[in-house]
Amino acid sequence: MSTEKTIHCPEKTEGRTRLVACKYRQRGCNMILPMESMSEHKMSCPFRSAAIQTHVTSSSRASPPNYVMCQFESVGCEFEGTTRELLEHECASLNSHLKFMLIFCLESDLKALKAHTKVQSVSAHLQHNIKQLSNSLRDTQGECQADHRMLISLKEQIMVLKRNLEENNQYLLEHLVATEDNLRRKDEEIAALQKQLQEKSDLDVVTRFRVRVLEDFVNEHLTRSGPHILSEQMTADRNQDEELRIGVKIMEIFEFEEKKRQAMADRRLALVSDPFVTSNCVKMKLKIFLNGDEVEGETCITVYVVILRGLNDENLNWPFRGKFTLYVFDPESRNYKFVDRFDADPNHFSFQKPCTERNIGYGFLRSIGHSELGRLVKDNKVVIKVTVDALN
């Protein structure tokens, strides 16, 4: 009977790797390796050949026997011998094999537990990241929707601004064409006036002589001409006195019928007064259309107030605030008849600080109808007065 070989159990565990000693340590091998590397070492261990040679010498058989490994080698058993010796080993080493199986199962469970713990940790981390990504995605979607609504609003505002710009361009173009036509007519009128002035310059001496004769005649017969002439002279003096007041402008329209016919032939023809100033030093003028304008029609006299650029505009308060009142002189009562009144609109561009030589005029809502002029026209003359009460 052959003697049962010694079973070498694991001797040391370090960290996660089990360390075992070589099965040939009784013959002099001192190697201690992990279990996974021990199988490869046993095949090349220098003490293995000596063990095999000793066994062959002691055996009565001529040829070396076939050695087999224990079926529990994968769990730590290192027995190696013949088939008969293996059977005896298995019967005698049940406790050791159970111990090997128990250790193997415990290590497997420990590895599984660690793997499960790691999987749970990774799963919790992934769930946290997924929740954060979901919240970020929801916030991003909300921002994208808000940006989309803002983009739509900006597109609508751009369309409105584009339409306003086109309308303003059309208005400015029409105004520019009308201004060019007006300037051309003014140039023609200036040329005609210069020609008339040149023609009349030769008559200055005669005219002055006639004026002196007329003055002598008036002075001589003034007291004998009756109260009618005296009242007219008093009215003219009163007009001159009132026109000297600040914020008052009186326009005497002579040859009214002829000028009205000219205005009927050319609706853009207007009478313009000399500049005057208000109590707060704002420079203005009147612009009168004897045959109405495009708004009021062709059956009335319309009066516009135009603010002019002044030398002291930088030191004034803008926009202009004040009251405008329109009167027309009644020859019968020899008083001015009220026509209309309006307050300056501080939001209207006509009352802002002038950026050019003059602003666009602002007209009285109520005009003087042609049907009302029957008793207001005397000696082919109409007198219009505008008063301005500045508030700033």
Protein backbone atom coordinates (compact mmCIF):
# COMPACT_ATOMS: atom_id res chain seq x y z
CA MET A 1 0.00 0.00 0.00
CA SER A 2 1.28 3.40 -0.86
CA THR A 3 1.33 6.10 1.70
CA GLU A 4 -1.19 8.93 1.26
CA LYS A 5 0.41 12.18 0.25
CA THR A 6 0.23 15.25 2.44
CA ILE A 7 -2.50 17.74 1.63
CA HIS A 8 -1.28 21.28 1.47
CA CYS A 9 -4.02 23.74 2.48
CA PRO A 10 -3.85 27.48 1.84
CA GLU A 11 -1.61 29.23 4.30
CA LYS A 12 -1.99 32.93 3.61
CA THR A 13 -4.56 35.37 2.25
CA GLU A 14 -3.56 38.88 1.33
CA GLY A 15 -6.10 41.39 0.03
CA ARG A 16 -8.32 39.80 -2.63
CA THR A 17 -5.75 37.15 -3.81
CA ARG A 18 -5.24 33.83 -1.99
CA LEU A 19 -1.58 32.83 -1.63
CA VAL A 20 -0.64 29.10 -1.45
CA ALA A 21 2.67 27.30 -0.95
CA CYS A 22 4.09 24.92 -3.51
CA LYS A 23 3.11 21.26 -2.97
CA TYR A 24 6.75 20.31 -3.20
CA ARG A 25 7.84 22.47 -0.31
CA GLN A 26 8.72 19.34 1.75
CA ARG A 27 11.30 18.58 -0.90
CA GLY A 28 12.77 22.09 -0.71
CA CYS A 29 10.54 24.46 -2.83
CA ASN A 30 9.87 27.70 -0.99
CA MET A 31 7.59 29.37 -3.59
CA ILE A 32 4.37 31.02 -2.36
CA LEU A 33 2.19 32.19 -5.22
CA PRO A 34 -1.45 33.07 -5.92
CA MET A 35 -3.63 30.08 -6.58
CA GLU A 36 -4.12 31.08 -10.22
CA SER A 37 -0.37 31.02 -10.86
CA MET A 38 0.45 27.86 -8.85
CA SER A 39 -0.72 25.38 -11.51
CA GLU A 40 1.75 26.74 -14.04
CA HIS A 41 4.52 26.72 -11.40
CA LYS A 42 3.90 23.08 -10.43
CA MET A 43 4.49 21.92 -13.99
CA SER A 44 7.90 23.62 -14.06
CA CYS A 45 8.93 23.24 -10.42
CA PRO A 46 12.47 21.73 -10.21
CA PHE A 47 11.47 19.63 -7.21
CA ARG A 48 8.66 17.96 -9.16
CA SER A 49 11.04 15.79 -11.23
CA ALA A 50 12.77 14.57 -8.09
CA ALA A 51 9.42 13.54 -6.58
CA ILE A 52 8.43 11.67 -9.70
CA GLN A 53 11.82 9.88 -9.85
CA THR A 54 11.55 8.79 -6.24
CA HIS A 55 8.09 7.40 -6.81
CA VAL A 56 9.22 5.46 -9.88
CA THR A 57 12.13 3.90 -8.02
CA SER A 58 9.92 2.69 -5.18
CA SER A 59 7.36 1.19 -7.50
CA SER A 60 7.57 -2.36 -8.73
CA ARG A 61 6.23 -1.50 -12.16
CA ALA A 62 8.60 -1.01 -15.03
CA SER A 63 6.86 2.03 -16.55
CA PRO A 64 5.99 5.26 -14.63
CA PRO A 65 2.35 5.45 -13.63
CA ASN A 66 -0.07 8.05 -14.99
CA TYR A 67 -0.61 10.85 -12.44
CA VAL A 68 -3.91 12.64 -12.20
CA MET A 69 -4.96 15.74 -10.26
CA CYS A 70 -7.68 15.87 -7.63
CA GLN A 71 -11.07 16.94 -8.95
CA PHE A 72 -11.11 19.65 -6.26
CA GLU A 73 -7.98 21.26 -7.67
CA SER A 74 -10.00 24.29 -8.89
CA VAL A 75 -11.01 25.09 -5.32
CA GLY A 76 -7.54 24.64 -3.77
CA CYS A 77 -6.69 20.91 -3.42
CA GLU A 78 -3.18 20.21 -4.70
CA PHE A 79 -3.15 16.40 -4.54
CA GLU A 80 -1.56 14.57 -7.50
CA GLY A 81 -1.16 10.79 -7.81
CA THR A 82 -2.33 7.61 -9.46
CA THR A 83 -5.95 6.67 -9.87
CA ARG A 84 -5.86 4.35 -6.88
CA GLU A 85 -4.15 6.94 -4.75
CA LEU A 86 -6.73 9.52 -5.91
CA LEU A 87 -9.60 7.28 -4.73
CA GLU A 88 -7.96 6.82 -1.35
CA HIS A 89 -7.30 10.56 -1.16
CA GLU A 90 -10.91 11.44 -1.90
CA CYS A 91 -12.17 9.07 0.81
CA ALA A 92 -9.72 10.38 3.38
CA SER A 93 -9.99 14.11 2.56
CA LEU A 94 -13.71 14.79 2.70
CA ASN A 95 -13.32 17.43 5.44
CA SER A 96 -10.57 19.18 3.56
CA HIS A 97 -12.56 19.18 0.37
CA LEU A 98 -15.60 20.54 2.21
CA LYS A 99 -13.36 23.24 3.68
CA PHE A 100 -12.05 24.08 0.21
CA MET A 101 -15.63 24.24 -1.14
CA LEU A 102 -16.77 26.40 1.77
CA ILE A 103 -13.90 28.85 1.29
CA PHE A 104 -14.51 28.94 -2.45
CA CYS A 105 -18.24 29.59 -1.96
CA LEU A 106 -17.55 32.28 0.64
CA GLU A 107 -15.07 33.99 -1.67
CA SER A 108 -17.52 33.72 -4.57
CA ASP A 109 -20.31 35.20 -2.43
CA LEU A 110 -17.96 37.97 -1.26
CA LYS A 111 -17.01 38.77 -4.84
CA ALA A 112 -20.67 38.71 -5.87
CA LEU A 113 -21.59 40.97 -2.93
CA LYS A 114 -18.85 43.43 -3.81
CA ALA A 115 -19.90 43.35 -7.45
CA HIS A 116 -23.54 43.87 -6.44
CA THR A 117 -22.58 46.77 -4.16
CA LYS A 118 -20.54 48.33 -6.93
CA VAL A 119 -23.41 47.84 -9.38
CA GLN A 120 -25.83 49.48 -6.94
CA SER A 121 -23.44 52.40 -6.43
CA VAL A 122 -23.00 52.82 -10.17
CA SER A 123 -26.78 52.48 -10.66
CA ALA A 124 -27.51 55.16 -8.02
CA HIS A 125 -24.90 57.43 -9.58
CA LEU A 126 -26.38 56.85 -13.02
CA GLN A 127 -29.91 57.53 -11.74
CA HIS A 128 -28.70 60.78 -10.13
CA ASN A 129 -26.99 61.81 -13.38
CA ILE A 130 -30.09 60.87 -15.38
CA LYS A 131 -32.26 63.00 -13.05
CA GLN A 132 -29.89 65.95 -13.40
CA LEU A 133 -29.81 65.52 -17.18
CA SER A 134 -33.62 65.34 -17.24
CA ASN A 135 -33.90 68.57 -15.21
CA SER A 136 -31.31 70.26 -17.43
CA LEU A 137 -33.16 69.09 -20.54
CA ARG A 138 -36.47 70.42 -19.16
CA ASP A 139 -34.87 73.78 -18.32
CA THR A 140 -33.24 73.91 -21.75
CA GLN A 141 -36.57 73.16 -23.43
CA GLY A 142 -38.23 75.96 -21.44
CA GLU A 143 -35.47 78.38 -22.43
CA CYS A 144 -35.75 77.31 -26.07
CA GLN A 145 -39.51 77.90 -25.99
CA ALA A 146 -39.01 81.33 -24.39
CA ASP A 147 -36.36 82.19 -27.00
CA HIS A 148 -38.71 81.01 -29.75
CA ARG A 149 -41.52 83.24 -28.45
CA MET A 150 -39.09 86.16 -28.17
CA LEU A 151 -37.92 85.51 -31.74
CA ILE A 152 -41.52 85.57 -33.00
CA SER A 153 -42.15 88.83 -31.11
CA LEU A 154 -38.98 90.37 -32.55
CA LYS A 155 -40.02 89.31 -36.06
CA GLU A 156 -43.41 91.01 -35.57
CA GLN A 157 -41.74 94.18 -34.27
CA ILE A 158 -39.36 94.17 -37.23
CA MET A 159 -42.31 93.87 -39.62
CA VAL A 160 -44.08 96.80 -37.91
CA LEU A 161 -40.92 98.91 -38.01
CA LYS A 162 -40.43 98.02 -41.67
CA ARG A 163 -43.98 99.11 -42.52
CA ASN A 164 -43.54 102.34 -40.55
CA LEU A 165 -40.24 102.99 -42.29
CA GLU A 166 -41.83 102.48 -45.71
CA GLU A 167 -44.69 104.83 -44.81
CA ASN A 168 -42.27 107.46 -43.48
CA ASN A 169 -40.10 107.15 -46.57
CA GLN A 170 -43.15 107.63 -48.78
CA TYR A 171 -44.24 110.66 -46.74
CA LEU A 172 -40.76 112.19 -46.82
CA LEU A 173 -40.49 111.59 -50.55
CA GLU A 174 -43.82 113.31 -51.19
CA HIS A 175 -42.87 116.13 -48.84
CA LEU A 176 -39.52 116.51 -50.59
CA VAL A 177 -41.18 116.69 -54.00
CA ALA A 178 -43.67 119.27 -52.72
CA THR A 179 -40.86 121.27 -51.12
CA GLU A 180 -38.85 121.25 -54.35
CA ASP A 181 -41.89 122.45 -56.27
CA ASN A 182 -42.51 125.16 -53.67
CA LEU A 183 -38.87 126.28 -53.82
CA ARG A 184 -39.01 126.40 -57.57
CA ARG A 185 -42.13 128.56 -57.45
CA LYS A 186 -40.51 130.78 -54.81
CA ASP A 187 -37.49 131.21 -57.05
CA GLU A 188 -39.78 132.16 -59.89
CA GLU A 189 -41.65 134.60 -57.63
CA ILE A 190 -38.36 136.12 -56.44
CA ALA A 191 -37.18 136.53 -60.01
CA ALA A 192 -40.48 138.18 -60.92
CA LEU A 193 -40.30 140.46 -57.88
CA GLN A 194 -36.76 141.42 -58.71
CA LYS A 195 -37.86 142.26 -62.22
CA GLN A 196 -40.77 144.32 -60.89
CA LEU A 197 -38.46 146.04 -58.44
CA GLN A 198 -36.10 146.91 -61.22
CA GLU A 199 -38.98 148.29 -63.27
CA LYS A 200 -40.30 150.29 -60.31
CA SER A 201 -36.95 151.65 -59.25
CA ASP A 202 -37.25 154.33 -61.91
CA LEU A 203 -40.55 155.45 -60.40
CA ASP A 204 -39.24 155.96 -56.85
CA VAL A 205 -38.86 159.72 -57.20
CA VAL A 206 -42.36 160.13 -58.59
CA THR A 207 -43.79 157.83 -55.93
CA ARG A 208 -42.14 159.76 -53.11
CA PHE A 209 -43.50 163.01 -54.50
CA ARG A 210 -47.00 161.55 -54.68
CA VAL A 211 -46.68 160.28 -51.10
CA ARG A 212 -45.73 163.75 -49.85
CA VAL A 213 -48.64 165.29 -51.71
CA LEU A 214 -50.98 162.65 -50.29
CA GLU A 215 -49.73 163.24 -46.76
CA ASP A 216 -50.30 166.99 -47.13
CA PHE A 217 -53.77 166.28 -48.43
CA VAL A 218 -54.63 163.98 -45.55
CA ASN A 219 -53.29 166.38 -42.94
CA GLU A 220 -55.25 169.21 -44.46
CA HIS A 221 -58.59 167.40 -44.76
CA LEU A 222 -58.37 164.92 -41.91
CA THR A 223 -60.54 166.88 -39.51
CA ARG A 224 -63.07 167.62 -42.25
CA SER A 225 -63.48 164.11 -43.54
CA GLY A 226 -65.94 162.96 -40.90
CA PRO A 227 -65.87 160.32 -38.14
CA HIS A 228 -65.68 157.42 -40.64
CA ILE A 229 -62.12 158.23 -41.78
CA LEU A 230 -61.07 158.99 -38.21
CA SER A 231 -62.34 155.58 -37.03
CA GLU A 232 -60.50 153.80 -39.84
CA GLN A 233 -57.31 155.66 -38.92
CA MET A 234 -57.82 154.73 -35.28
CA THR A 235 -58.34 151.08 -36.29
CA ALA A 236 -55.11 151.03 -38.30
CA ASP A 237 -53.26 152.62 -35.37
CA ARG A 238 -54.70 150.03 -33.04
CA ASN A 239 -53.56 147.22 -35.38
CA GLN A 240 -50.06 148.65 -35.38
CA ASP A 241 -50.08 148.94 -31.57
CA GLU A 242 -51.32 145.39 -31.12
CA GLU A 243 -48.76 144.00 -33.56
CA LEU A 244 -46.02 145.53 -31.46
CA ARG A 245 -47.07 143.27 -28.58
CA ILE A 246 -45.03 140.09 -28.10
CA GLY A 247 -46.93 136.94 -29.12
CA VAL A 248 -49.35 138.76 -31.46
CA LYS A 249 -49.31 138.65 -35.26
CA ILE A 250 -51.74 140.59 -37.49
CA MET A 251 -51.87 139.92 -41.24
CA GLU A 252 -53.63 142.43 -43.48
CA ILE A 253 -54.44 140.67 -46.74
CA PHE A 254 -54.81 143.33 -49.42
CA GLU A 255 -56.22 142.59 -52.88
CA PHE A 256 -58.00 139.63 -51.28
CA GLU A 257 -60.16 138.64 -54.23
CA GLU A 258 -57.25 138.56 -56.67
CA LYS A 259 -55.12 136.51 -54.27
CA LYS A 260 -58.01 134.13 -53.61
CA ARG A 261 -58.39 133.55 -57.36
CA GLN A 262 -54.67 132.81 -57.56
CA ALA A 263 -55.02 130.37 -54.68
CA MET A 264 -57.94 128.67 -56.43
CA ALA A 265 -55.74 128.21 -59.49
CA ASP A 266 -52.91 126.77 -57.38
CA ARG A 267 -54.00 125.23 -54.07
CA ARG A 268 -50.42 125.00 -52.84
CA LEU A 269 -50.05 128.77 -52.99
CA ALA A 270 -49.90 130.22 -49.46
CA LEU A 271 -49.35 133.60 -47.82
CA VAL A 272 -46.53 133.69 -45.27
CA SER A 273 -46.19 136.35 -42.58
CA ASP A 274 -43.04 137.96 -41.27
CA PRO A 275 -41.50 136.17 -38.29
CA PHE A 276 -42.57 137.13 -34.79
CA VAL A 277 -41.59 135.95 -31.31
CA THR A 278 -43.52 134.80 -28.26
CA SER A 279 -43.00 135.83 -24.65
CA ASN A 280 -40.50 132.95 -24.16
CA CYS A 281 -38.51 133.98 -27.28
CA VAL A 282 -39.75 131.21 -29.61
CA LYS A 283 -39.64 132.33 -33.25
CA MET A 284 -42.79 131.71 -35.36
CA LYS A 285 -44.63 132.71 -38.51
CA LEU A 286 -48.13 132.29 -39.98
CA LYS A 287 -48.97 130.41 -43.15
CA ILE A 288 -52.39 131.11 -44.69
CA PHE A 289 -54.11 129.19 -47.51
CA LEU A 290 -56.85 131.39 -48.99
CA ASN A 291 -58.53 128.45 -50.75
CA GLY A 292 -58.15 125.83 -48.04
CA ASP A 293 -55.85 122.81 -48.00
CA GLU A 294 -56.17 119.13 -48.75
CA VAL A 295 -57.80 118.47 -45.33
CA GLU A 296 -60.39 121.28 -45.11
CA GLY A 297 -61.37 121.46 -48.78
CA GLU A 298 -61.65 124.42 -51.13
CA THR A 299 -64.29 126.57 -49.43
CA CYS A 300 -62.43 128.19 -46.56
CA ILE A 301 -59.35 130.01 -45.32
CA THR A 302 -57.00 127.81 -43.24
CA VAL A 303 -54.33 129.24 -40.93
CA TYR A 304 -51.19 127.36 -39.84
CA VAL A 305 -48.63 128.24 -37.16
CA VAL A 306 -45.01 127.34 -38.05
CA ILE A 307 -42.18 127.31 -35.47
CA LEU A 308 -38.87 128.56 -36.92
CA ARG A 309 -35.31 127.87 -35.89
CA GLY A 310 -33.96 130.64 -33.65
CA LEU A 311 -30.53 131.66 -32.44
CA ASN A 312 -31.50 131.08 -28.80
CA ASP A 313 -33.18 127.66 -29.15
CA GLU A 314 -30.51 125.88 -27.10
CA ASN A 315 -31.45 127.93 -24.02
CA LEU A 316 -35.24 127.46 -24.32
CA ASN A 317 -37.53 124.83 -22.82
CA TRP A 318 -38.86 122.28 -25.31
CA PRO A 319 -41.39 121.17 -26.42
CA PHE A 320 -43.28 124.43 -26.78
CA ARG A 321 -46.37 124.76 -24.56
CA GLY A 322 -48.99 127.44 -25.00
CA LYS A 323 -52.41 128.54 -26.31
CA PHE A 324 -53.09 129.77 -29.87
CA THR A 325 -56.15 131.92 -30.65
CA LEU A 326 -57.41 132.92 -34.12
CA TYR A 327 -59.41 136.13 -34.79
CA VAL A 328 -60.72 137.88 -37.90
CA PHE A 329 -61.45 141.62 -37.99
CA ASP A 330 -65.10 142.66 -38.33
CA PRO A 331 -65.29 146.09 -40.08
CA GLU A 332 -68.84 146.75 -38.87
CA SER A 333 -68.20 146.34 -35.15
CA ARG A 334 -64.54 147.38 -35.59
CA ASN A 335 -63.53 144.55 -33.29
CA TYR A 336 -61.87 141.20 -33.77
CA LYS A 337 -64.20 138.22 -33.99
CA PHE A 338 -63.15 134.97 -32.28
CA VAL A 339 -62.75 132.00 -34.65
CA ASP A 340 -60.91 129.15 -32.89
CA ARG A 341 -58.42 128.26 -30.14
CA PHE A 342 -56.16 125.23 -29.49
CA ASP A 343 -53.46 124.17 -27.02
CA ALA A 344 -50.05 123.11 -28.27
CA ASP A 345 -49.61 119.31 -28.20
CA PRO A 346 -46.20 118.65 -26.53
CA ASN A 347 -46.06 115.20 -28.16
CA HIS A 348 -46.52 116.51 -31.70
CA PHE A 349 -43.37 117.04 -33.77
CA SER A 350 -44.61 120.51 -34.84
CA PHE A 351 -43.89 121.83 -31.31
CA GLN A 352 -40.50 120.17 -30.75
CA LYS A 353 -37.15 121.95 -31.02
CA PRO A 354 -36.57 122.67 -34.74
CA CYS A 355 -33.94 120.45 -36.37
CA THR A 356 -34.22 122.29 -39.70
CA GLU A 357 -34.98 125.89 -40.62
CA ARG A 358 -38.67 125.33 -39.76
CA ASN A 359 -41.01 122.68 -38.42
CA ILE A 360 -44.10 121.40 -40.19
CA GLY A 361 -47.04 123.74 -39.57
CA TYR A 362 -49.92 123.02 -37.19
CA GLY A 363 -53.32 124.35 -38.24
CA PHE A 364 -56.45 125.55 -36.48
CA LEU A 365 -59.23 122.98 -36.59
CA ARG A 366 -61.93 125.53 -37.41
CA SER A 367 -61.36 127.54 -40.57
CA ILE A 368 -62.92 130.74 -41.92
CA GLY A 369 -65.49 129.72 -44.53
CA HIS A 370 -65.82 131.70 -47.76
CA SER A 371 -69.52 132.04 -46.99
CA GLU A 372 -68.65 133.96 -43.80
CA LEU A 373 -66.44 136.51 -45.57
CA GLY A 374 -69.24 138.63 -47.03
CA ARG A 375 -69.23 141.29 -44.32
CA LEU A 376 -65.61 140.64 -43.25
CA VAL A 377 -64.11 141.85 -46.53
CA LYS A 378 -63.96 145.60 -46.89
CA ASP A 379 -62.07 147.53 -49.52
CA ASN A 380 -60.90 144.16 -50.85
CA LYS A 381 -59.01 143.54 -47.59
CA VAL A 382 -59.20 140.91 -44.81
CA VAL A 383 -57.40 141.25 -41.46
CA ILE A 384 -56.45 138.10 -39.49
CA LYS A 385 -54.93 138.08 -36.02
CA VAL A 386 -53.28 135.21 -34.06
CA THR A 387 -52.28 135.51 -30.41
CA VAL A 388 -49.86 133.12 -28.68
CA ASP A 389 -49.84 132.74 -24.89
CA ALA A 390 -46.66 130.83 -24.00
CA LEU A 391 -46.72 128.67 -20.86
CA ASN A 392 -43.03 127.68 -20.54
